Amino acid sequence: MWDKLKAFGRGLNDYYQAPYRASFAKAQQQEDDLFMLLVMSEALGIPNPASFYTLELLPLIYEDFHAWHRRMGMEHSPLDNLSCC
C-alpha cells in the first residue's frame, strides 16, 4: 500500500512540475552561461576582480567551453591558447 501511495505522489509531483521543466532548464542554462563568462572573463580580456578565485576553476570549465562559445555565437574559440574547434 505504501508503495502505491509513493508512486501516486511521484506521479502528482511530475504532473505539477511538467509545465515548468523547460523554463527551469532554460534558467539553469543561462546561469551556467553567466558562470562560464565570469570564470573565463580574464582570459577573454574582461577585468575580473575575483580572478584569483576563479583561476582554479578553469580546468573544470574547459570541457564545456566549446558548447558555450557556440551558444554565444562565436564560430571559433576566442582564445588563442585554447583551440577546441
PDB file of N, CA and C in Angstrom:
ATOM      1  N   MET A   1       0.807  -1.193   0.000  1.00  0.00           N
ATOM      2  CA  MET A   1       0.000   0.000   0.000  1.00  0.00           C
ATOM      3  C   MET A   1       0.851   1.257   0.000  1.00  0.00           C
ATOM      4  N   TRP A   2       1.919   1.259   0.792  1.00  0.00           N
ATOM      5  CA  TRP A   2       2.783   2.441   0.856  1.00  0.00           C
ATOM      6  C   TRP A   2       3.487   2.672  -0.484  1.00  0.00           C
ATOM      7  N   ASP A   3       3.806   1.586  -1.155  1.00  0.00           N
ATOM      8  CA  ASP A   3       4.453   1.717  -2.460  1.00  0.00           C
ATOM      9  C   ASP A   3       3.534   2.401  -3.469  1.00  0.00           C
ATOM     10  N   LYS A   4       2.250   2.051  -3.397  1.00  0.00           N
ATOM     11  CA  LYS A   4       1.282   2.662  -4.300  1.00  0.00           C
ATOM     12  C   LYS A   4       1.106   4.156  -3.995  1.00  0.00           C
ATOM     13  N   LEU A   5       1.090   4.482  -2.716  1.00  0.00           N
ATOM     14  CA  LEU A   5       0.962   5.899  -2.336  1.00  0.00           C
ATOM     15  C   LEU A   5       2.196   6.700  -2.762  1.00  0.00           C
ATOM     16  N   LYS A   6       3.367   6.114  -2.595  1.00  0.00           N
ATOM     17  CA  LYS A   6       4.593   6.794  -3.014  1.00  0.00           C
ATOM     18  C   LYS A   6       4.612   6.981  -4.528  1.00  0.00           C
ATOM     19  N   ALA A   7       4.194   5.962  -5.258  1.00  0.00           N
ATOM     20  CA  ALA A   7       4.147   6.067  -6.721  1.00  0.00           C
ATOM     21  C   ALA A   7       3.137   7.117  -7.145  1.00  0.00           C
ATOM     22  N   PHE A   8       1.996   7.168  -6.468  1.00  0.00           N
ATOM     23  CA  PHE A   8       0.985   8.183  -6.761  1.00  0.00           C
ATOM     24  C   PHE A   8       1.528   9.579  -6.473  1.00  0.00           C
ATOM     25  N   GLY A   9       2.240   9.727  -5.373  1.00  0.00           N
ATOM     26  CA  GLY A   9       2.856  11.017  -5.024  1.00  0.00           C
ATOM     27  C   GLY A   9       3.885  11.452  -6.053  1.00  0.00           C
ATOM     28  N   ARG A  10       4.689  10.507  -6.538  1.00  0.00           N
ATOM     29  CA  ARG A  10       5.673  10.841  -7.583  1.00  0.00           C
ATOM     30  C   ARG A  10       4.967  11.250  -8.866  1.00  0.00           C
ATOM     31  N   GLY A  11       3.859  10.564  -9.185  1.00  0.00           N
ATOM     32  CA  GLY A  11       3.093  10.925 -10.376  1.00  0.00           C
ATOM     33  C   GLY A  11       2.513  12.321 -10.277  1.00  0.00           C
ATOM     34  N   LEU A  12       1.974  12.663  -9.124  1.00  0.00           N
ATOM     35  CA  LEU A  12       1.448  14.023  -8.923  1.00  0.00           C
ATOM     36  C   LEU A  12       2.561  15.060  -9.006  1.00  0.00           C
ATOM     37  N   ASN A  13       3.694  14.734  -8.434  1.00  0.00           N
ATOM     38  CA  ASN A  13       4.832  15.645  -8.484  1.00  0.00           C
ATOM     39  C   ASN A  13       5.252  15.899  -9.929  1.00  0.00           C
ATOM     40  N   ASP A  14       5.356  14.854 -10.715  1.00  0.00           N
ATOM     41  CA  ASP A  14       5.706  15.008 -12.129  1.00  0.00           C
ATOM     42  C   ASP A  14       4.644  15.791 -12.885  1.00  0.00           C
ATOM     43  N   TYR A  15       3.385  15.551 -12.556  1.00  0.00           N
ATOM     44  CA  TYR A  15       2.285  16.245 -13.234  1.00  0.00           C
ATOM     45  C   TYR A  15       2.349  17.757 -12.987  1.00  0.00           C
ATOM     46  N   TYR A  16       2.634  18.158 -11.766  1.00  0.00           N
ATOM     47  CA  TYR A  16       2.658  19.573 -11.449  1.00  0.00           C
ATOM     48  C   TYR A  16       3.951  20.258 -11.898  1.00  0.00           C
ATOM     49  N   GLN A  17       5.037  19.526 -12.006  1.00  0.00           N
ATOM     50  CA  GLN A  17       6.307  20.110 -12.413  1.00  0.00           C
ATOM     51  C   GLN A  17       6.499  20.145 -13.916  1.00  0.00           C
ATOM     52  N   ALA A  18       5.773  19.358 -14.667  1.00  0.00           N
ATOM     53  CA  ALA A  18       5.978  19.231 -16.114  1.00  0.00           C
ATOM     54  C   ALA A  18       5.874  20.558 -16.867  1.00  0.00           C
ATOM     55  N   PRO A  19       4.900  21.420 -16.597  1.00  0.00           N
ATOM     56  CA  PRO A  19       4.815  22.672 -17.367  1.00  0.00           C
ATOM     57  C   PRO A  19       6.010  23.611 -17.146  1.00  0.00           C
ATOM     58  N   TYR A  20       6.701  23.456 -16.031  1.00  0.00           N
ATOM     59  CA  TYR A  20       7.784  24.362 -15.689  1.00  0.00           C
ATOM     60  C   TYR A  20       9.164  23.796 -15.985  1.00  0.00           C
ATOM     61  N   ARG A  21       9.221  22.558 -16.426  1.00  0.00           N
ATOM     62  CA  ARG A  21      10.504  21.894 -16.634  1.00  0.00           C
ATOM     63  C   ARG A  21      11.358  22.620 -17.670  1.00  0.00           C
ATOM     64  N   ALA A  22      10.767  23.069 -18.772  1.00  0.00           N
ATOM     65  CA  ALA A  22      11.523  23.759 -19.824  1.00  0.00           C
ATOM     66  C   ALA A  22      12.020  25.107 -19.335  1.00  0.00           C
ATOM     67  N   SER A  23      11.212  25.838 -18.586  1.00  0.00           N
ATOM     68  CA  SER A  23      11.653  27.143 -18.101  1.00  0.00           C
ATOM     69  C   SER A  23      12.749  26.993 -17.052  1.00  0.00           C
ATOM     70  N   PHE A  24      12.680  25.940 -16.229  1.00  0.00           N
ATOM     71  CA  PHE A  24      13.759  25.687 -15.264  1.00  0.00           C
ATOM     72  C   PHE A  24      15.052  25.323 -15.985  1.00  0.00           C
ATOM     73  N   ALA A  25      14.954  24.536 -17.037  1.00  0.00           N
ATOM     74  CA  ALA A  25      16.147  24.152 -17.798  1.00  0.00           C
ATOM     75  C   ALA A  25      16.764  25.369 -18.480  1.00  0.00           C
ATOM     76  N   LYS A  26      15.936  26.267 -19.022  1.00  0.00           N
ATOM     77  CA  LYS A  26      16.460  27.472 -19.670  1.00  0.00           C
ATOM     78  C   LYS A  26      17.123  28.389 -18.647  1.00  0.00           C
ATOM     79  N   ALA A  27      16.514  28.540 -17.481  1.00  0.00           N
ATOM     80  CA  ALA A  27      17.109  29.364 -16.429  1.00  0.00           C
ATOM     81  C   ALA A  27      18.440  28.784 -15.969  1.00  0.00           C
ATOM     82  N   GLN A  28      18.511  27.460 -15.853  1.00  0.00           N
ATOM     83  CA  GLN A  28      19.765  26.810 -15.461  1.00  0.00           C
ATOM     84  C   GLN A  28      20.847  27.031 -16.515  1.00  0.00           C
ATOM     85  N   GLN A  29      20.468  26.957 -17.791  1.00  0.00           N
ATOM     86  CA  GLN A  29      21.427  27.174 -18.876  1.00  0.00           C
ATOM     87  C   GLN A  29      21.953  28.614 -18.854  1.00  0.00           C
ATOM     88  N   GLN A  30      21.086  29.570 -18.583  1.00  0.00           N
ATOM     89  CA  GLN A  30      21.508  30.965 -18.516  1.00  0.00           C
ATOM     90  C   GLN A  30      22.444  31.206 -17.338  1.00  0.00           C
ATOM     91  N   GLU A  31      22.172  30.572 -16.207  1.00  0.00           N
ATOM     92  CA  GLU A  31      23.070  30.693 -15.061  1.00  0.00           C
ATOM     93  C   GLU A  31      24.422  30.061 -15.356  1.00  0.00           C
ATOM     94  N   ASP A  32      24.417  28.924 -16.024  1.00  0.00           N
ATOM     95  CA  ASP A  32      25.674  28.272 -16.389  1.00  0.00           C
ATOM     96  C   ASP A  32      26.483  29.135 -17.361  1.00  0.00           C
ATOM     97  N   ASP A  33      25.807  29.788 -18.306  1.00  0.00           N
ATOM     98  CA  ASP A  33      26.494  30.662 -19.254  1.00  0.00           C
ATOM     99  C   ASP A  33      27.111  31.865 -18.548  1.00  0.00           C
ATOM    100  N   LEU A  34      26.389  32.444 -17.601  1.00  0.00           N
ATOM    101  CA  LEU A  34      26.924  33.571 -16.841  1.00  0.00           C
ATOM    102  C   LEU A  34      28.122  33.140 -16.008  1.00  0.00           C
ATOM    103  N   PHE A  35      28.032  31.971 -15.389  1.00  0.00           N
ATOM    104  CA  PHE A  35      29.151  31.457 -14.609  1.00  0.00           C
ATOM    105  C   PHE A  35      30.379  31.240 -15.493  1.00  0.00           C
ATOM    106  N   MET A  36      30.147  30.692 -16.680  1.00  0.00           N
ATOM    107  CA  MET A  36      31.248  30.466 -17.620  1.00  0.00           C
ATOM    108  C   MET A  36      31.888  31.797 -18.004  1.00  0.00           C
ATOM    109  N   LEU A  37      31.083  32.810 -18.246  1.00  0.00           N
ATOM    110  CA  LEU A  37      31.612  34.122 -18.590  1.00  0.00           C
ATOM    111  C   LEU A  37      32.426  34.701 -17.445  1.00  0.00           C
ATOM    112  N   LEU A  38      31.951  34.550 -16.218  1.00  0.00           N
ATOM    113  CA  LEU A  38      32.693  35.070 -15.073  1.00  0.00           C
ATOM    114  C   LEU A  38      34.030  34.363 -14.893  1.00  0.00           C
ATOM    115  N   VAL A  39      34.027  33.048 -15.080  1.00  0.00           N
ATOM    116  CA  VAL A  39      35.273  32.299 -14.907  1.00  0.00           C
ATOM    117  C   VAL A  39      36.248  32.599 -16.039  1.00  0.00           C
ATOM    118  N   MET A  40      35.751  32.702 -17.265  1.00  0.00           N
ATOM    119  CA  MET A  40      36.616  32.923 -18.424  1.00  0.00           C
ATOM    120  C   MET A  40      36.873  34.401 -18.716  1.00  0.00           C
ATOM    121  N   SER A  41      36.329  35.308 -17.922  1.00  0.00           N
ATOM    122  CA  SER A  41      36.399  36.731 -18.244  1.00  0.00           C
ATOM    123  C   SER A  41      37.841  37.235 -18.348  1.00  0.00           C
ATOM    124  N   GLU A  42      38.694  36.822 -17.481  1.00  0.00           N
ATOM    125  CA  GLU A  42      40.085  37.288 -17.524  1.00  0.00           C
ATOM    126  C   GLU A  42      40.769  36.821 -18.804  1.00  0.00           C
ATOM    127  N   ALA A  43      40.490  35.612 -19.236  1.00  0.00           N
ATOM    128  CA  ALA A  43      41.073  35.093 -20.475  1.00  0.00           C
ATOM    129  C   ALA A  43      40.484  35.789 -21.696  1.00  0.00           C
ATOM    130  N   LEU A  44      39.249  36.269 -21.584  1.00  0.00           N
ATOM    131  CA  LEU A  44      38.606  36.962 -22.697  1.00  0.00           C
ATOM    132  C   LEU A  44      38.943  38.450 -22.729  1.00  0.00           C
ATOM    133  N   GLY A  45      39.673  38.942 -21.749  1.00  0.00           N
ATOM    134  CA  GLY A  45      40.086  40.344 -21.734  1.00  0.00           C
ATOM    135  C   GLY A  45      39.176  41.252 -20.933  1.00  0.00           C
ATOM    136  N   ILE A  46      38.279  40.684 -20.169  1.00  0.00           N
ATOM    137  CA  ILE A  46      37.383  41.470 -19.320  1.00  0.00           C
ATOM    138  C   ILE A  46      37.959  41.454 -17.905  1.00  0.00           C
ATOM    139  N   PRO A  47      38.212  42.625 -17.318  1.00  0.00           N
ATOM    140  CA  PRO A  47      38.779  42.629 -15.964  1.00  0.00           C
ATOM    141  C   PRO A  47      37.838  41.970 -14.958  1.00  0.00           C
ATOM    142  N   ASN A  48      38.398  41.127 -14.145  1.00  0.00           N
ATOM    143  CA  ASN A  48      37.619  40.408 -13.151  1.00  0.00           C
ATOM    144  C   ASN A  48      38.326  40.534 -11.802  1.00  0.00           C
ATOM    145  N   PRO A  49      37.706  41.214 -10.835  1.00  0.00           N
ATOM    146  CA  PRO A  49      38.363  41.361  -9.532  1.00  0.00           C
ATOM    147  C   PRO A  49      38.483  40.044  -8.770  1.00  0.00           C
ATOM    148  N   ALA A  50      37.708  39.040  -9.129  1.00  0.00           N
ATOM    149  CA  ALA A  50      37.758  37.754  -8.439  1.00  0.00           C
ATOM    150  C   ALA A  50      38.536  36.716  -9.235  1.00  0.00           C
ATOM    151  N   SER A  51      39.402  37.149 -10.140  1.00  0.00           N
ATOM    152  CA  SER A  51      40.105  36.190 -10.994  1.00  0.00           C
ATOM    153  C   SER A  51      41.030  35.268 -10.201  1.00  0.00           C
ATOM    154  N   PHE A  52      41.521  35.729  -9.073  1.00  0.00           N
ATOM    155  CA  PHE A  52      42.366  34.875  -8.235  1.00  0.00           C
ATOM    156  C   PHE A  52      41.598  33.635  -7.784  1.00  0.00           C
ATOM    157  N   TYR A  53      40.310  33.810  -7.500  1.00  0.00           N
ATOM    158  CA  TYR A  53      39.492  32.703  -7.007  1.00  0.00           C
ATOM    159  C   TYR A  53      38.937  31.850  -8.134  1.00  0.00           C
ATOM    160  N   THR A  54      38.709  32.452  -9.288  1.00  0.00           N
ATOM    161  CA  THR A  54      38.140  31.697 -10.397  1.00  0.00           C
ATOM    162  C   THR A  54      39.201  30.993 -11.234  1.00  0.00           C
ATOM    163  N   LEU A  55      40.456  31.315 -11.029  1.00  0.00           N
ATOM    164  CA  LEU A  55      41.531  30.707 -11.805  1.00  0.00           C
ATOM    165  C   LEU A  55      41.596  29.196 -11.608  1.00  0.00           C
ATOM    166  N   GLU A  56      41.340  28.737 -10.416  1.00  0.00           N
ATOM    167  CA  GLU A  56      41.415  27.297 -10.165  1.00  0.00           C
ATOM    168  C   GLU A  56      40.231  26.530 -10.758  1.00  0.00           C
ATOM    169  N   LEU A  57      39.202  27.237 -11.227  1.00  0.00           N
ATOM    170  CA  LEU A  57      38.059  26.583 -11.849  1.00  0.00           C
ATOM    171  C   LEU A  57      38.242  26.363 -13.347  1.00  0.00           C
ATOM    172  N   LEU A  58      39.242  26.975 -13.937  1.00  0.00           N
ATOM    173  CA  LEU A  58      39.444  26.864 -15.384  1.00  0.00           C
ATOM    174  C   LEU A  58      39.553  25.430 -15.893  1.00  0.00           C
ATOM    175  N   PRO A  59      40.310  24.549 -15.264  1.00  0.00           N
ATOM    176  CA  PRO A  59      40.378  23.177 -15.796  1.00  0.00           C
ATOM    177  C   PRO A  59      39.016  22.473 -15.813  1.00  0.00           C
ATOM    178  N   LEU A  60      38.138  22.824 -14.905  1.00  0.00           N
ATOM    179  CA  LEU A  60      36.810  22.208 -14.874  1.00  0.00           C
ATOM    180  C   LEU A  60      35.914  22.763 -15.979  1.00  0.00           C
ATOM    181  N   ILE A  61      36.187  23.967 -16.424  1.00  0.00           N
ATOM    182  CA  ILE A  61      35.362  24.655 -17.402  1.00  0.00           C
ATOM    183  C   ILE A  61      35.748  24.293 -18.835  1.00  0.00           C
ATOM    184  N   TYR A  62      36.980  23.901 -19.060  1.00  0.00           N
ATOM    185  CA  TYR A  62      37.460  23.684 -20.427  1.00  0.00           C
ATOM    186  C   TYR A  62      36.642  22.662 -21.214  1.00  0.00           C
ATOM    187  N   GLU A  63      36.122  21.654 -20.541  1.00  0.00           N
ATOM    188  CA  GLU A  63      35.381  20.627 -21.285  1.00  0.00           C
ATOM    189  C   GLU A  63      34.039  21.154 -21.807  1.00  0.00           C
ATOM    190  N   ASP A  64      33.486  22.183 -21.197  1.00  0.00           N
ATOM    191  CA  ASP A  64      32.226  22.769 -21.647  1.00  0.00           C
ATOM    192  C   ASP A  64      32.437  24.031 -22.484  1.00  0.00           C
ATOM    193  N   PHE A  65      33.672  24.417 -22.704  1.00  0.00           N
ATOM    194  CA  PHE A  65      33.962  25.684 -23.367  1.00  0.00           C
ATOM    195  C   PHE A  65      33.474  25.712 -24.810  1.00  0.00           C
ATOM    196  N   HIS A  66      33.628  24.617 -25.529  1.00  0.00           N
ATOM    197  CA  HIS A  66      33.224  24.587 -26.937  1.00  0.00           C
ATOM    198  C   HIS A  66      31.718  24.823 -27.079  1.00  0.00           C
ATOM    199  N   ALA A  67      30.921  24.128 -26.297  1.00  0.00           N
ATOM    200  CA  ALA A  67      29.463  24.317 -26.364  1.00  0.00           C
ATOM    201  C   ALA A  67      29.087  25.737 -25.970  1.00  0.00           C
ATOM    202  N   TRP A  68      29.798  26.306 -25.005  1.00  0.00           N
ATOM    203  CA  TRP A  68      29.493  27.665 -24.552  1.00  0.00           C
ATOM    204  C   TRP A  68      29.765  28.690 -25.639  1.00  0.00           C
ATOM    205  N   HIS A  69      30.939  28.634 -26.266  1.00  0.00           N
ATOM    206  CA  HIS A  69      31.245  29.674 -27.251  1.00  0.00           C
ATOM    207  C   HIS A  69      30.394  29.516 -28.506  1.00  0.00           C
ATOM    208  N   ARG A  70      29.923  28.306 -28.796  1.00  0.00           N
ATOM    209  CA  ARG A  70      28.987  28.127 -29.916  1.00  0.00           C
ATOM    210  C   ARG A  70      27.617  28.721 -29.572  1.00  0.00           C
ATOM    211  N   ARG A  71      27.167  28.549 -28.331  1.00  0.00           N
ATOM    212  CA  ARG A  71      25.899  29.136 -27.902  1.00  0.00           C
ATOM    213  C   ARG A  71      25.959  30.663 -27.887  1.00  0.00           C
ATOM    214  N   MET A  72      27.120  31.206 -27.608  1.00  0.00           N
ATOM    215  CA  MET A  72      27.274  32.655 -27.550  1.00  0.00           C
ATOM    216  C   MET A  72      27.445  33.269 -28.936  1.00  0.00           C
ATOM    217  N   GLY A  73      27.469  32.448 -29.978  1.00  0.00           N
ATOM    218  CA  GLY A  73      27.518  32.951 -31.346  1.00  0.00           C
ATOM    219  C   GLY A  73      28.916  33.093 -31.916  1.00  0.00           C
ATOM    220  N   MET A  74      29.909  32.544 -31.262  1.00  0.00           N
ATOM    221  CA  MET A  74      31.282  32.603 -31.755  1.00  0.00           C
ATOM    222  C   MET A  74      31.575  31.309 -32.519  1.00  0.00           C
ATOM    223  N   GLU A  75      31.918  31.429 -33.785  1.00  0.00           N
ATOM    224  CA  GLU A  75      32.170  30.233 -34.596  1.00  0.00           C
ATOM    225  C   GLU A  75      33.415  29.488 -34.137  1.00  0.00           C
ATOM    226  N   HIS A  76      34.454  30.236 -33.797  1.00  0.00           N
ATOM    227  CA  HIS A  76      35.720  29.628 -33.369  1.00  0.00           C
ATOM    228  C   HIS A  76      36.049  30.125 -31.968  1.00  0.00           C
ATOM    229  N   SER A  77      36.943  29.451 -31.328  1.00  0.00           N
ATOM    230  CA  SER A  77      37.333  29.815 -29.975  1.00  0.00           C
ATOM    231  C   SER A  77      37.932  31.223 -29.953  1.00  0.00           C
ATOM    232  N   PRO A  78      37.479  32.084 -29.044  1.00  0.00           N
ATOM    233  CA  PRO A  78      38.034  33.434 -28.963  1.00  0.00           C
ATOM    234  C   PRO A  78      39.406  33.472 -28.284  1.00  0.00           C
ATOM    235  N   LEU A  79      39.840  32.350 -27.744  1.00  0.00           N
ATOM    236  CA  LEU A  79      41.124  32.301 -27.052  1.00  0.00           C
ATOM    237  C   LEU A  79      42.180  31.695 -27.975  1.00  0.00           C
ATOM    238  N   ASP A  80      43.320  32.358 -28.032  1.00  0.00           N
ATOM    239  CA  ASP A  80      44.414  31.865 -28.862  1.00  0.00           C
ATOM    240  C   ASP A  80      45.025  30.577 -28.320  1.00  0.00           C
ATOM    241  N   ASN A  81      45.123  30.478 -27.005  1.00  0.00           N
ATOM    242  CA  ASN A  81      45.774  29.311 -26.418  1.00  0.00           C
ATOM    243  C   ASN A  81      44.832  28.122 -26.216  1.00  0.00           C
ATOM    244  N   LEU A  82      43.552  28.275 -26.549  1.00  0.00           N
ATOM    245  CA  LEU A  82      42.602  27.184 -26.409  1.00  0.00           C
ATOM    246  C   LEU A  82      41.861  27.015 -27.714  1.00  0.00           C
ATOM    247  N   SER A  83      42.276  26.033 -28.479  1.00  0.00           N
ATOM    248  CA  SER A  83      41.607  25.786 -29.764  1.00  0.00           C
ATOM    249  C   SER A  83      40.814  24.493 -29.644  1.00  0.00           C
ATOM    250  N   CYS A  84      39.533  24.637 -29.493  1.00  0.00           N
ATOM    251  CA  CYS A  84      38.689  23.461 -29.314  1.00  0.00           C
ATOM    252  C   CYS A  84      37.999  23.070 -30.627  1.00  0.00           C
ATOM    253  N   CYS A  85      38.031  23.926 -31.606  1.00  0.00           N
ATOM    254  CA  CYS A  85      37.328  23.656 -32.866  1.00  0.00           C
ATOM    255  C   CYS A  85      38.289  23.130 -33.918  1.00  0.00           C
TER     256      CYS A  85
END
